[in-house]
């Protein structure tokens, strides 16, 4: 079985965990072309929620990056309780990011379905 090398992605490793300097903002693309009216409704919806959700999402990404960097710190690695606490905080932050992403996507879907 041959595999295409065009879709090669490096494997994550404990030595190369993303840090605050390597995290890039997420970009989403859409696979449909909204009508002019639904586009206007979306813009109105985004104006209401964009400021607070952008700040919240940006803050969660910063927290995740900071916790990841802290988890890789030698002092935390040597302390099992400290390491476990940081791992738990990191998992909670990742859950919050996934929840925000789901809510964002379901909010967009309800706008297009309402039309």
Protein backbone atom coordinates (compact mmCIF):
# COMPACT_ATOMS: atom_id res chain seq x y z
CA UNK A 1 0.00 0.00 0.00
CA UNK A 2 1.57 3.31 -0.99
CA UNK A 3 0.99 6.50 0.93
CA UNK A 4 1.14 10.00 -0.46
CA UNK A 5 3.83 12.17 1.08
CA UNK A 6 1.86 15.32 0.24
CA UNK A 7 -0.15 15.01 3.45
CA UNK A 8 2.84 14.39 5.73
CA UNK A 9 2.45 15.85 9.21
CA UNK A 10 5.20 15.55 11.82
CA UNK A 11 4.38 13.41 14.83
CA UNK A 12 4.00 15.24 18.13
CA UNK A 13 6.77 14.63 20.59
CA UNK A 14 7.48 15.53 24.18
CA UNK A 15 10.55 17.46 23.04
CA UNK A 16 8.68 19.71 20.64
CA UNK A 17 5.53 20.84 22.43
CA UNK A 18 4.03 24.12 21.12
CA UNK A 19 4.95 27.14 23.18
CA UNK A 20 3.45 30.58 23.39
CA UNK A 21 5.66 31.63 20.48
CA UNK A 22 4.61 28.78 18.17
CA UNK A 23 0.82 28.91 18.62
CA UNK A 24 -0.87 30.49 15.61
CA UNK A 25 -4.43 31.83 15.57
CA UNK A 26 -6.95 29.40 14.14
CA UNK A 27 -8.48 30.16 10.76
CA UNK A 28 -11.65 28.51 9.57
CA UNK A 29 -12.87 28.27 6.04
CA UNK A 30 -16.40 27.71 4.87
CA UNK A 31 -17.43 25.29 2.18
CA UNK A 32 -20.55 27.11 1.05
CA UNK A 33 -21.47 30.45 -0.46
CA UNK A 34 -24.04 32.24 1.71
CA UNK A 35 -26.73 34.38 0.13
CA UNK A 36 -26.54 38.14 0.50
CA UNK A 37 -29.31 38.17 3.14
CA UNK A 38 -27.82 35.41 5.26
CA UNK A 39 -24.45 37.12 5.00
CA UNK A 40 -25.96 40.32 6.42
CA UNK A 41 -27.62 38.39 9.27
CA UNK A 42 -24.31 36.72 10.02
CA UNK A 43 -22.48 40.06 10.11
CA UNK A 44 -25.03 41.45 12.57
CA UNK A 45 -24.71 38.34 14.74
CA UNK A 46 -20.91 38.50 14.62
CA UNK A 47 -20.84 42.18 15.58
CA UNK A 48 -22.77 41.39 18.76
CA UNK A 49 -20.66 38.44 19.87
CA UNK A 50 -17.30 38.94 18.21
CA UNK A 51 -15.69 41.21 20.78
CA UNK A 52 -16.39 39.01 23.79
CA UNK A 53 -15.86 35.67 22.06
CA UNK A 54 -12.64 36.81 20.37
CA UNK A 55 -11.23 37.97 23.69
CA UNK A 56 -12.33 34.76 25.44
CA UNK A 57 -10.93 32.51 22.72
CA UNK A 58 -7.67 34.47 22.57
CA UNK A 59 -7.32 34.29 26.33
CA UNK A 60 -7.93 30.54 26.36
CA UNK A 61 -5.24 30.05 23.72
CA UNK A 62 -2.84 32.15 25.79
CA UNK A 63 -3.66 30.15 28.91
CA UNK A 64 -3.15 26.89 27.02
CA UNK A 65 0.22 28.07 25.70
CA UNK A 66 1.32 29.26 29.14
CA UNK A 67 0.27 25.99 30.80
CA UNK A 68 2.06 23.98 28.12
CA UNK A 69 5.22 25.99 28.70
CA UNK A 70 4.85 25.59 32.46
CA UNK A 71 4.36 21.83 32.06
CA UNK A 72 7.70 21.65 30.23
CA UNK A 73 9.51 23.53 33.00
CA UNK A 74 12.10 21.39 34.80
CA UNK A 75 10.79 22.36 38.24
CA UNK A 76 7.28 21.18 37.38
CA UNK A 77 8.53 18.01 35.69
CA UNK A 78 10.33 16.97 38.89
CA UNK A 79 7.24 17.44 41.06
CA UNK A 80 4.58 14.79 40.35
CA UNK A 81 1.76 16.68 42.12
CA UNK A 82 2.64 19.95 40.39
CA UNK A 83 2.87 18.26 37.03
CA UNK A 84 -0.52 16.56 37.52
CA UNK A 85 -2.13 19.87 38.54
CA UNK A 86 -0.80 21.64 35.45
CA UNK A 87 -1.94 18.74 33.24
CA UNK A 88 -5.44 18.97 34.73
CA UNK A 89 -5.59 22.72 34.16
CA UNK A 90 -4.38 22.22 30.59
CA UNK A 91 -7.08 19.61 29.93
CA UNK A 92 -9.77 21.92 31.36
CA UNK A 93 -8.58 24.72 29.08
CA UNK A 94 -8.63 22.43 26.05
CA UNK A 95 -12.18 21.34 26.92
CA UNK A 96 -13.24 24.99 27.14
CA UNK A 97 -11.69 25.69 23.72
CA UNK A 98 -13.52 22.71 22.17
CA UNK A 99 -16.79 23.86 23.76
CA UNK A 100 -16.33 27.39 22.38
CA UNK A 101 -15.55 25.97 18.94
CA UNK A 102 -18.70 23.79 19.00
CA UNK A 103 -20.86 26.72 20.14
CA UNK A 104 -19.37 28.93 17.46
CA UNK A 105 -20.07 26.37 14.76
CA UNK A 106 -23.60 25.61 15.99
CA UNK A 107 -24.35 29.34 16.13
CA UNK A 108 -23.34 29.73 12.51
CA UNK A 109 -25.41 26.71 11.51
CA UNK A 110 -28.53 28.07 13.20
CA UNK A 111 -28.20 31.34 11.29
CA UNK A 112 -28.12 29.58 7.94
CA UNK A 113 -30.89 27.13 8.93
CA UNK A 114 -33.18 29.95 10.10
CA UNK A 115 -33.27 31.35 6.58
